[in-house]
Amino acid sequence: MPLQRRVPKFGFNNINRVEYKGINLDILQTLAEKSGSATMDATYFVTSGLVSKNAKIKVLGRGELTQAIEIHAHAFSKSAIAAIEKAGGKAVTL
């Protein structure tokens, strides 16, 4: 049997894909209540143990915020930006 038929075929892996570590708003709300911090950036997420130091961060919109928090991340979902601004906070893209 020819080699191309003996070797199994698998899916396509895009080498240009950017992997994000997702963090939801409900997790950010619990962190803000515990620490009382008004700004959250990449180093804050690393020290709290949510992401590794080389990970890219994307804030997702599950949950809701009740405090005005300034969040610095690599990407935001549309619902997360709306919820952050509704609470009086600020979404800053790195």
PDB file of N, CA and C in Angstrom:
ATOM      1  N   MET A   1       0.852  -1.174   0.000  1.00  0.00           N
ATOM      2  CA  MET A   1       0.000   0.000   0.000  1.00  0.00           C
ATOM      3  C   MET A   1       0.905   1.249   0.000  1.00  0.00           C
ATOM      4  N   PRO A   2       0.555   2.278  -0.756  1.00  0.00           N
ATOM      5  CA  PRO A   2       1.389   3.478  -0.825  1.00  0.00           C
ATOM      6  C   PRO A   2       1.443   4.208   0.525  1.00  0.00           C
ATOM      7  N   LEU A   3       2.516   4.972   0.709  1.00  0.00           N
ATOM      8  CA  LEU A   3       2.739   5.678   1.972  1.00  0.00           C
ATOM      9  C   LEU A   3       1.612   6.643   2.295  1.00  0.00           C
ATOM     10  N   GLN A   4       1.101   7.381   1.333  1.00  0.00           N
ATOM     11  CA  GLN A   4       0.067   8.371   1.607  1.00  0.00           C
ATOM     12  C   GLN A   4      -1.238   7.740   2.083  1.00  0.00           C
ATOM     13  N   ARG A   5      -1.425   6.457   1.827  1.00  0.00           N
ATOM     14  CA  ARG A   5      -2.619   5.783   2.326  1.00  0.00           C
ATOM     15  C   ARG A   5      -2.351   5.101   3.667  1.00  0.00           C
ATOM     16  N   ARG A   6      -1.105   4.806   3.991  1.00  0.00           N
ATOM     17  CA  ARG A   6      -0.759   4.166   5.262  1.00  0.00           C
ATOM     18  C   ARG A   6      -0.713   5.161   6.419  1.00  0.00           C
ATOM     19  N   VAL A   7      -0.334   6.407   6.142  1.00  0.00           N
ATOM     20  CA  VAL A   7      -0.195   7.403   7.186  1.00  0.00           C
ATOM     21  C   VAL A   7      -1.569   8.016   7.466  1.00  0.00           C
ATOM     22  N   PRO A   8      -1.988   8.070   8.750  1.00  0.00           N
ATOM     23  CA  PRO A   8      -3.308   8.640   9.055  1.00  0.00           C
ATOM     24  C   PRO A   8      -3.339  10.145   8.808  1.00  0.00           C
ATOM     25  N   LYS A   9      -4.512  10.637   8.480  1.00  0.00           N
ATOM     26  CA  LYS A   9      -4.696  12.061   8.206  1.00  0.00           C
ATOM     27  C   LYS A   9      -5.419  12.702   9.382  1.00  0.00           C
ATOM     28  N   PHE A  10      -4.973  13.894   9.747  1.00  0.00           N
ATOM     29  CA  PHE A  10      -5.599  14.622  10.832  1.00  0.00           C
ATOM     30  C   PHE A  10      -5.996  16.001  10.335  1.00  0.00           C
ATOM     31  N   GLY A  11      -6.572  16.815  11.227  1.00  0.00           N
ATOM     32  CA  GLY A  11      -7.070  18.130  10.855  1.00  0.00           C
ATOM     33  C   GLY A  11      -5.977  19.143  10.580  1.00  0.00           C
ATOM     34  N   PHE A  12      -6.426  20.343  10.281  1.00  0.00           N
ATOM     35  CA  PHE A  12      -5.535  21.443   9.924  1.00  0.00           C
ATOM     36  C   PHE A  12      -5.201  22.241  11.175  1.00  0.00           C
ATOM     37  N   ASN A  13      -3.924  22.558  11.374  1.00  0.00           N
ATOM     38  CA  ASN A  13      -3.491  23.423  12.478  1.00  0.00           C
ATOM     39  C   ASN A  13      -2.956  24.724  11.901  1.00  0.00           C
ATOM     40  N   ASN A  14      -3.649  25.807  12.202  1.00  0.00           N
ATOM     41  CA  ASN A  14      -3.248  27.118  11.712  1.00  0.00           C
ATOM     42  C   ASN A  14      -2.071  27.626  12.547  1.00  0.00           C
ATOM     43  N   ILE A  15      -0.942  27.885  11.897  1.00  0.00           N
ATOM     44  CA  ILE A  15       0.242  28.330  12.629  1.00  0.00           C
ATOM     45  C   ILE A  15       0.161  29.798  13.026  1.00  0.00           C
ATOM     46  N   ASN A  16      -0.780  30.544  12.476  1.00  0.00           N
ATOM     47  CA  ASN A  16      -0.922  31.968  12.784  1.00  0.00           C
ATOM     48  C   ASN A  16      -1.985  32.259  13.836  1.00  0.00           C
ATOM     49  N   ARG A  17      -2.595  31.229  14.411  1.00  0.00           N
ATOM     50  CA  ARG A  17      -3.660  31.415  15.382  1.00  0.00           C
ATOM     51  C   ARG A  17      -3.093  31.975  16.688  1.00  0.00           C
ATOM     52  N   VAL A  18      -3.811  32.923  17.267  1.00  0.00           N
ATOM     53  CA  VAL A  18      -3.412  33.513  18.540  1.00  0.00           C
ATOM     54  C   VAL A  18      -4.256  32.877  19.632  1.00  0.00           C
ATOM     55  N   GLU A  19      -3.607  32.276  20.625  1.00  0.00           N
ATOM     56  CA  GLU A  19      -4.297  31.638  21.743  1.00  0.00           C
ATOM     57  C   GLU A  19      -4.443  32.643  22.883  1.00  0.00           C
ATOM     58  N   TYR A  20      -5.677  32.846  23.341  1.00  0.00           N
ATOM     59  CA  TYR A  20      -5.950  33.725  24.468  1.00  0.00           C
ATOM     60  C   TYR A  20      -6.389  32.916  25.671  1.00  0.00           C
ATOM     61  N   LYS A  21      -6.081  33.398  26.852  1.00  0.00           N
ATOM     62  CA  LYS A  21      -6.595  32.832  28.090  1.00  0.00           C
ATOM     63  C   LYS A  21      -7.793  33.676  28.488  1.00  0.00           C
ATOM     64  N   GLY A  22      -8.962  33.074  28.518  1.00  0.00           N
ATOM     65  CA  GLY A  22     -10.188  33.810  28.805  1.00  0.00           C
ATOM     66  C   GLY A  22     -10.423  33.997  30.292  1.00  0.00           C
ATOM     67  N   ILE A  23     -10.787  35.206  30.671  1.00  0.00           N
ATOM     68  CA  ILE A  23     -11.150  35.521  32.049  1.00  0.00           C
ATOM     69  C   ILE A  23     -12.516  36.196  32.004  1.00  0.00           C
ATOM     70  N   ASN A  24     -13.469  35.666  32.761  1.00  0.00           N
ATOM     71  CA  ASN A  24     -14.822  36.198  32.749  1.00  0.00           C
ATOM     72  C   ASN A  24     -14.994  37.315  33.771  1.00  0.00           C
ATOM     73  N   LEU A  25     -16.046  38.099  33.585  1.00  0.00           N
ATOM     74  CA  LEU A  25     -16.306  39.249  34.446  1.00  0.00           C
ATOM     75  C   LEU A  25     -16.620  38.844  35.879  1.00  0.00           C
ATOM     76  N   ASP A  26     -17.259  37.690  36.075  1.00  0.00           N
ATOM     77  CA  ASP A  26     -17.577  37.284  37.441  1.00  0.00           C
ATOM     78  C   ASP A  26     -16.314  36.991  38.252  1.00  0.00           C
ATOM     79  N   ILE A  27     -15.280  36.477  37.597  1.00  0.00           N
ATOM     80  CA  ILE A  27     -14.002  36.249  38.284  1.00  0.00           C
ATOM     81  C   ILE A  27     -13.346  37.583  38.628  1.00  0.00           C
ATOM     82  N   LEU A  28     -13.413  38.544  37.700  1.00  0.00           N
ATOM     83  CA  LEU A  28     -12.859  39.871  37.965  1.00  0.00           C
ATOM     84  C   LEU A  28     -13.594  40.561  39.112  1.00  0.00           C
ATOM     85  N   GLN A  29     -14.897  40.355  39.202  1.00  0.00           N
ATOM     86  CA  GLN A  29     -15.682  40.958  40.280  1.00  0.00           C
ATOM     87  C   GLN A  29     -15.271  40.389  41.631  1.00  0.00           C
ATOM     88  N   THR A  30     -15.062  39.080  41.722  1.00  0.00           N
ATOM     89  CA  THR A  30     -14.643  38.488  42.992  1.00  0.00           C
ATOM     90  C   THR A  30     -13.233  38.942  43.378  1.00  0.00           C
ATOM     91  N   LEU A  31     -12.341  39.084  42.380  1.00  0.00           N
ATOM     92  CA  LEU A  31     -10.998  39.603  42.673  1.00  0.00           C
ATOM     93  C   LEU A  31     -11.054  41.036  43.170  1.00  0.00           C
ATOM     94  N   ALA A  32     -11.913  41.851  42.570  1.00  0.00           N
ATOM     95  CA  ALA A  32     -12.027  43.246  42.983  1.00  0.00           C
ATOM     96  C   ALA A  32     -12.589  43.356  44.392  1.00  0.00           C
ATOM     97  N   GLU A  33     -13.516  42.477  44.755  1.00  0.00           N
ATOM     98  CA  GLU A  33     -14.076  42.499  46.103  1.00  0.00           C
ATOM     99  C   GLU A  33     -13.042  42.074  47.141  1.00  0.00           C
ATOM    100  N   LYS A  34     -12.216  41.090  46.803  1.00  0.00           N
ATOM    101  CA  LYS A  34     -11.210  40.611  47.749  1.00  0.00           C
ATOM    102  C   LYS A  34     -10.084  41.615  47.951  1.00  0.00           C
ATOM    103  N   SER A  35      -9.582  42.173  46.845  1.00  0.00           N
ATOM    104  CA  SER A  35      -8.398  43.025  46.946  1.00  0.00           C
ATOM    105  C   SER A  35      -8.729  44.509  47.059  1.00  0.00           C
ATOM    106  N   GLY A  36      -9.865  44.924  46.561  1.00  0.00           N
ATOM    107  CA  GLY A  36     -10.206  46.343  46.568  1.00  0.00           C
ATOM    108  C   GLY A  36      -9.442  47.142  45.534  1.00  0.00           C
ATOM    109  N   SER A  37      -8.859  46.471  44.554  1.00  0.00           N
ATOM    110  CA  SER A  37      -8.061  47.135  43.529  1.00  0.00           C
ATOM    111  C   SER A  37      -8.965  47.773  42.475  1.00  0.00           C
ATOM    112  N   ALA A  38      -8.603  48.980  42.048  1.00  0.00           N
ATOM    113  CA  ALA A  38      -9.386  49.677  41.029  1.00  0.00           C
ATOM    114  C   ALA A  38      -8.829  49.468  39.630  1.00  0.00           C
ATOM    115  N   THR A  39      -7.580  48.985  39.520  1.00  0.00           N
ATOM    116  CA  THR A  39      -6.993  48.696  38.217  1.00  0.00           C
ATOM    117  C   THR A  39      -6.457  47.273  38.211  1.00  0.00           C
ATOM    118  N   MET A  40      -6.648  46.613  37.085  1.00  0.00           N
ATOM    119  CA  MET A  40      -6.157  45.252  36.909  1.00  0.00           C
ATOM    120  C   MET A  40      -5.414  45.182  35.588  1.00  0.00           C
ATOM    121  N   ASP A  41      -4.174  44.709  35.634  1.00  0.00           N
ATOM    122  CA  ASP A  41      -3.384  44.567  34.416  1.00  0.00           C
ATOM    123  C   ASP A  41      -2.788  43.167  34.367  1.00  0.00           C
ATOM    124  N   ALA A  42      -1.915  42.921  33.390  1.00  0.00           N
ATOM    125  CA  ALA A  42      -1.366  41.584  33.177  1.00  0.00           C
ATOM    126  C   ALA A  42      -0.568  41.104  34.386  1.00  0.00           C
ATOM    127  N   THR A  43       0.202  41.979  35.014  1.00  0.00           N
ATOM    128  CA  THR A  43       0.982  41.553  36.177  1.00  0.00           C
ATOM    129  C   THR A  43       0.082  41.215  37.360  1.00  0.00           C
ATOM    130  N   TYR A  44      -1.038  41.887  37.480  1.00  0.00           N
ATOM    131  CA  TYR A  44      -2.004  41.578  38.540  1.00  0.00           C
ATOM    132  C   TYR A  44      -2.596  40.180  38.332  1.00  0.00           C
ATOM    133  N   PHE A  45      -2.904  39.841  37.080  1.00  0.00           N
ATOM    134  CA  PHE A  45      -3.458  38.518  36.793  1.00  0.00           C
ATOM    135  C   PHE A  45      -2.433  37.420  37.028  1.00  0.00           C
ATOM    136  N   VAL A  46      -1.165  37.701  36.748  1.00  0.00           N
ATOM    137  CA  VAL A  46      -0.102  36.714  36.967  1.00  0.00           C
ATOM    138  C   VAL A  46       0.098  36.495  38.464  1.00  0.00           C
ATOM    139  N   THR A  47       0.136  37.568  39.247  1.00  0.00           N
ATOM    140  CA  THR A  47       0.343  37.421  40.689  1.00  0.00           C
ATOM    141  C   THR A  47      -0.841  36.773  41.376  1.00  0.00           C
ATOM    142  N   SER A  48      -2.047  36.939  40.839  1.00  0.00           N
ATOM    143  CA  SER A  48      -3.216  36.291  41.429  1.00  0.00           C
ATOM    144  C   SER A  48      -3.342  34.832  41.002  1.00  0.00           C
ATOM    145  N   GLY A  49      -2.531  34.398  40.028  1.00  0.00           N
ATOM    146  CA  GLY A  49      -2.511  32.996  39.638  1.00  0.00           C
ATOM    147  C   GLY A  49      -3.499  32.605  38.557  1.00  0.00           C
ATOM    148  N   LEU A  50      -4.074  33.577  37.865  1.00  0.00           N
ATOM    149  CA  LEU A  50      -5.050  33.265  36.815  1.00  0.00           C
ATOM    150  C   LEU A  50      -4.396  32.852  35.503  1.00  0.00           C
ATOM    151  N   VAL A  51      -3.270  33.465  35.166  1.00  0.00           N
ATOM    152  CA  VAL A  51      -2.609  33.190  33.893  1.00  0.00           C
ATOM    153  C   VAL A  51      -1.109  33.042  34.119  1.00  0.00           C
ATOM    154  N   SER A  52      -0.437  32.462  33.135  1.00  0.00           N
ATOM    155  CA  SER A  52       1.022  32.430  33.176  1.00  0.00           C
ATOM    156  C   SER A  52       1.559  33.759  32.655  1.00  0.00           C
ATOM    157  N   LYS A  53       2.850  33.991  32.832  1.00  0.00           N
ATOM    158  CA  LYS A  53       3.367  35.321  32.505  1.00  0.00           C
ATOM    159  C   LYS A  53       3.436  35.605  31.015  1.00  0.00           C
ATOM    160  N   ASN A  54       3.444  34.593  30.157  1.00  0.00           N
ATOM    161  CA  ASN A  54       3.507  34.816  28.707  1.00  0.00           C
ATOM    162  C   ASN A  54       2.155  34.696  28.024  1.00  0.00           C
ATOM    163  N   ALA A  55       1.091  34.443  28.765  1.00  0.00           N
ATOM    164  CA  ALA A  55      -0.229  34.238  28.177  1.00  0.00           C
ATOM    165  C   ALA A  55      -0.847  35.567  27.753  1.00  0.00           C
ATOM    166  N   LYS A  56      -1.615  35.523  26.669  1.00  0.00           N
ATOM    167  CA  LYS A  56      -2.396  36.678  26.241  1.00  0.00           C
ATOM    168  C   LYS A  56      -3.772  36.558  26.888  1.00  0.00           C
ATOM    169  N   ILE A  57      -4.311  37.678  27.322  1.00  0.00           N
ATOM    170  CA  ILE A  57      -5.526  37.691  28.126  1.00  0.00           C
ATOM    171  C   ILE A  57      -6.680  38.258  27.314  1.00  0.00           C
ATOM    172  N   LYS A  58      -7.827  37.562  27.372  1.00  0.00           N
ATOM    173  CA  LYS A  58      -9.053  38.068  26.755  1.00  0.00           C
ATOM    174  C   LYS A  58     -10.130  38.083  27.835  1.00  0.00           C
ATOM    175  N   VAL A  59     -10.779  39.221  28.004  1.00  0.00           N
ATOM    176  CA  VAL A  59     -11.837  39.361  28.990  1.00  0.00           C
ATOM    177  C   VAL A  59     -13.152  39.028  28.306  1.00  0.00           C
ATOM    178  N   LEU A  60     -13.885  38.079  28.901  1.00  0.00           N
ATOM    179  CA  LEU A  60     -15.149  37.608  28.355  1.00  0.00           C
ATOM    180  C   LEU A  60     -16.307  38.139  29.187  1.00  0.00           C
ATOM    181  N   GLY A  61     -17.510  38.114  28.635  1.00  0.00           N
ATOM    182  CA  GLY A  61     -18.640  38.817  29.229  1.00  0.00           C
ATOM    183  C   GLY A  61     -19.558  38.041  30.137  1.00  0.00           C
ATOM    184  N   ARG A  62     -19.181  36.866  30.642  1.00  0.00           N
ATOM    185  CA  ARG A  62     -20.059  36.128  31.550  1.00  0.00           C
ATOM    186  C   ARG A  62     -20.020  36.786  32.924  1.00  0.00           C
ATOM    187  N   GLY A  63     -21.167  37.032  33.500  1.00  0.00           N
ATOM    188  CA  GLY A  63     -21.242  37.691  34.800  1.00  0.00           C
ATOM    189  C   GLY A  63     -21.470  39.178  34.636  1.00  0.00           C
ATOM    190  N   GLU A  64     -21.383  39.892  35.752  1.00  0.00           N
ATOM    191  CA  GLU A  64     -21.564  41.341  35.695  1.00  0.00           C
ATOM    192  C   GLU A  64     -20.675  42.014  36.725  1.00  0.00           C
ATOM    193  N   LEU A  65     -20.391  43.276  36.467  1.00  0.00           N
ATOM    194  CA  LEU A  65     -19.568  44.068  37.373  1.00  0.00           C
ATOM    195  C   LEU A  65     -20.445  45.056  38.125  1.00  0.00           C
ATOM    196  N   THR A  66     -20.105  45.276  39.383  1.00  0.00           N
ATOM    197  CA  THR A  66     -20.806  46.289  40.163  1.00  0.00           C
ATOM    198  C   THR A  66     -19.878  47.424  40.560  1.00  0.00           C
ATOM    199  N   GLN A  67     -18.561  47.244  40.350  1.00  0.00           N
ATOM    200  CA  GLN A  67     -17.579  48.266  40.688  1.00  0.00           C
ATOM    201  C   GLN A  67     -16.954  48.826  39.423  1.00  0.00           C
ATOM    202  N   ALA A  68     -16.490  50.057  39.505  1.00  0.00           N
ATOM    203  CA  ALA A  68     -15.783  50.666  38.378  1.00  0.00           C
ATOM    204  C   ALA A  68     -14.325  50.208  38.426  1.00  0.00           C
ATOM    205  N   ILE A  69     -13.921  49.405  37.443  1.00  0.00           N
ATOM    206  CA  ILE A  69     -12.576  48.842  37.404  1.00  0.00           C
ATOM    207  C   ILE A  69     -11.940  49.192  36.065  1.00  0.00           C
ATOM    208  N   GLU A  70     -10.670  49.580  36.093  1.00  0.00           N
ATOM    209  CA  GLU A  70      -9.908  49.795  34.864  1.00  0.00           C
ATOM    210  C   GLU A  70      -9.147  48.505  34.578  1.00  0.00           C
ATOM    211  N   ILE A  71      -9.440  47.876  33.436  1.00  0.00           N
ATOM    212  CA  ILE A  71      -8.877  46.571  33.104  1.00  0.00           C
ATOM    213  C   ILE A  71      -7.994  46.702  31.871  1.00  0.00           C
ATOM    214  N   HIS A  72      -6.763  46.222  31.973  1.00  0.00           N
ATOM    215  CA  HIS A  72      -5.812  46.199  30.869  1.00  0.00           C
ATOM    216  C   HIS A  72      -5.667  44.754  30.409  1.00  0.00           C
ATOM    217  N   ALA A  73      -6.007  44.468  29.137  1.00  0.00           N
ATOM    218  CA  ALA A  73      -5.907  43.116  28.602  1.00  0.00           C
ATOM    219  C   ALA A  73      -5.595  43.191  27.113  1.00  0.00           C
ATOM    220  N   HIS A  74      -5.274  42.037  26.519  1.00  0.00           N
ATOM    221  CA  HIS A  74      -4.931  41.994  25.098  1.00  0.00           C
ATOM    222  C   HIS A  74      -6.166  42.047  24.195  1.00  0.00           C
ATOM    223  N   ALA A  75      -7.297  41.534  24.674  1.00  0.00           N
ATOM    224  CA  ALA A  75      -8.521  41.547  23.868  1.00  0.00           C
ATOM    225  C   ALA A  75      -9.736  41.546  24.795  1.00  0.00           C
ATOM    226  N   PHE A  76     -10.863  42.046  24.280  1.00  0.00           N
ATOM    227  CA  PHE A  76     -12.121  42.092  25.013  1.00  0.00           C
ATOM    228  C   PHE A  76     -13.240  41.634  24.094  1.00  0.00           C
ATOM    229  N   SER A  77     -14.232  40.964  24.649  1.00  0.00           N
ATOM    230  CA  SER A  77     -15.424  40.679  23.867  1.00  0.00           C
ATOM    231  C   SER A  77     -16.319  41.918  23.902  1.00  0.00           C
ATOM    232  N   LYS A  78     -17.254  42.003  22.957  1.00  0.00           N
ATOM    233  CA  LYS A  78     -18.126  43.172  22.882  1.00  0.00           C
ATOM    234  C   LYS A  78     -19.006  43.291  24.119  1.00  0.00           C
ATOM    235  N   SER A  79     -19.497  42.156  24.608  1.00  0.00           N
ATOM    236  CA  SER A  79     -20.352  42.190  25.796  1.00  0.00           C
ATOM    237  C   SER A  79     -19.556  42.577  27.041  1.00  0.00           C
ATOM    238  N   ALA A  80     -18.280  42.209  27.096  1.00  0.00           N
ATOM    239  CA  ALA A  80     -17.443  42.582  28.235  1.00  0.00           C
ATOM    240  C   ALA A  80     -17.186  44.082  28.238  1.00  0.00           C
ATOM    241  N   ILE A  81     -16.906  44.658  27.080  1.00  0.00           N
ATOM    242  CA  ILE A  81     -16.680  46.107  26.995  1.00  0.00           C
ATOM    243  C   ILE A  81     -17.937  46.855  27.427  1.00  0.00           C
ATOM    244  N   ALA A  82     -19.095  46.387  26.978  1.00  0.00           N
ATOM    245  CA  ALA A  82     -20.355  47.049  27.341  1.00  0.00           C
ATOM    246  C   ALA A  82     -20.596  46.966  28.845  1.00  0.00           C
ATOM    247  N   ALA A  83     -20.329  45.829  29.458  1.00  0.00           N
ATOM    248  CA  ALA A  83     -20.559  45.672  30.890  1.00  0.00           C
ATOM    249  C   ALA A  83     -19.572  46.492  31.710  1.00  0.00           C
ATOM    250  N   ILE A  84     -18.323  46.562  31.270  1.00  0.00           N
ATOM    251  CA  ILE A  84     -17.309  47.342  31.994  1.00  0.00           C
ATOM    252  C   ILE A  84     -17.646  48.824  31.951  1.00  0.00           C
ATOM    253  N   GLU A  85     -18.026  49.320  30.777  1.00  0.00           N
ATOM    254  CA  GLU A  85     -18.366  50.737  30.646  1.00  0.00           C
ATOM    255  C   GLU A  85     -19.677  51.079  31.347  1.00  0.00           C
ATOM    256  N   LYS A  86     -20.606  50.124  31.407  1.00  0.00           N
ATOM    257  CA  LYS A  86     -21.862  50.342  32.105  1.00  0.00           C
ATOM    258  C   LYS A  86     -21.623  50.520  33.603  1.00  0.00           C
ATOM    259  N   ALA A  87     -20.634  49.789  34.136  1.00  0.00           N
ATOM    260  CA  ALA A  87     -20.309  49.889  35.567  1.00  0.00           C
ATOM    261  C   ALA A  87     -19.450  51.110  35.867  1.00  0.00           C
ATOM    262  N   GLY A  88     -19.036  51.843  34.836  1.00  0.00           N
ATOM    263  CA  GLY A  88     -18.230  53.041  35.042  1.00  0.00           C
ATOM    264  C   GLY A  88     -16.738  52.796  34.949  1.00  0.00           C
ATOM    265  N   GLY A  89     -16.369  51.615  34.509  1.00  0.00           N
ATOM    266  CA  GLY A  89     -14.953  51.273  34.383  1.00  0.00           C
ATOM    267  C   GLY A  89     -14.398  51.617  33.012  1.00  0.00           C
ATOM    268  N   LYS A  90     -13.203  51.114  32.760  1.00  0.00           N
ATOM    269  CA  LYS A  90     -12.524  51.424  31.512  1.00  0.00           C
ATOM    270  C   LYS A  90     -11.824  50.165  31.014  1.00  0.00           C
ATOM    271  N   ALA A  91     -11.983  49.852  29.718  1.00  0.00           N
ATOM    272  CA  ALA A  91     -11.339  48.696  29.094  1.00  0.00           C
ATOM    273  C   ALA A  91     -10.200  49.207  28.221  1.00  0.00           C
ATOM    274  N   VAL A  92      -8.955  48.852  28.583  1.00  0.00           N
ATOM    275  CA  VAL A  92      -7.765  49.308  27.861  1.00  0.00           C
ATOM    276  C   VAL A  92      -7.135  48.121  27.164  1.00  0.00           C
ATOM    277  N   THR A  93      -6.971  48.215  25.849  1.00  0.00           N
ATOM    278  CA  THR A  93      -6.346  47.136  25.067  1.00  0.00           C
ATOM    279  C   THR A  93      -4.838  47.340  25.035  1.00  0.00           C
ATOM    280  N   LEU A  94      -4.113  46.279  25.347  1.00  0.00           N
ATOM    281  CA  LEU A  94      -2.647  46.337  25.344  1.00  0.00           C
ATOM    282  C   LEU A  94      -2.109  46.240  23.941  1.00  0.00           C
TER     283      LEU A  94
END
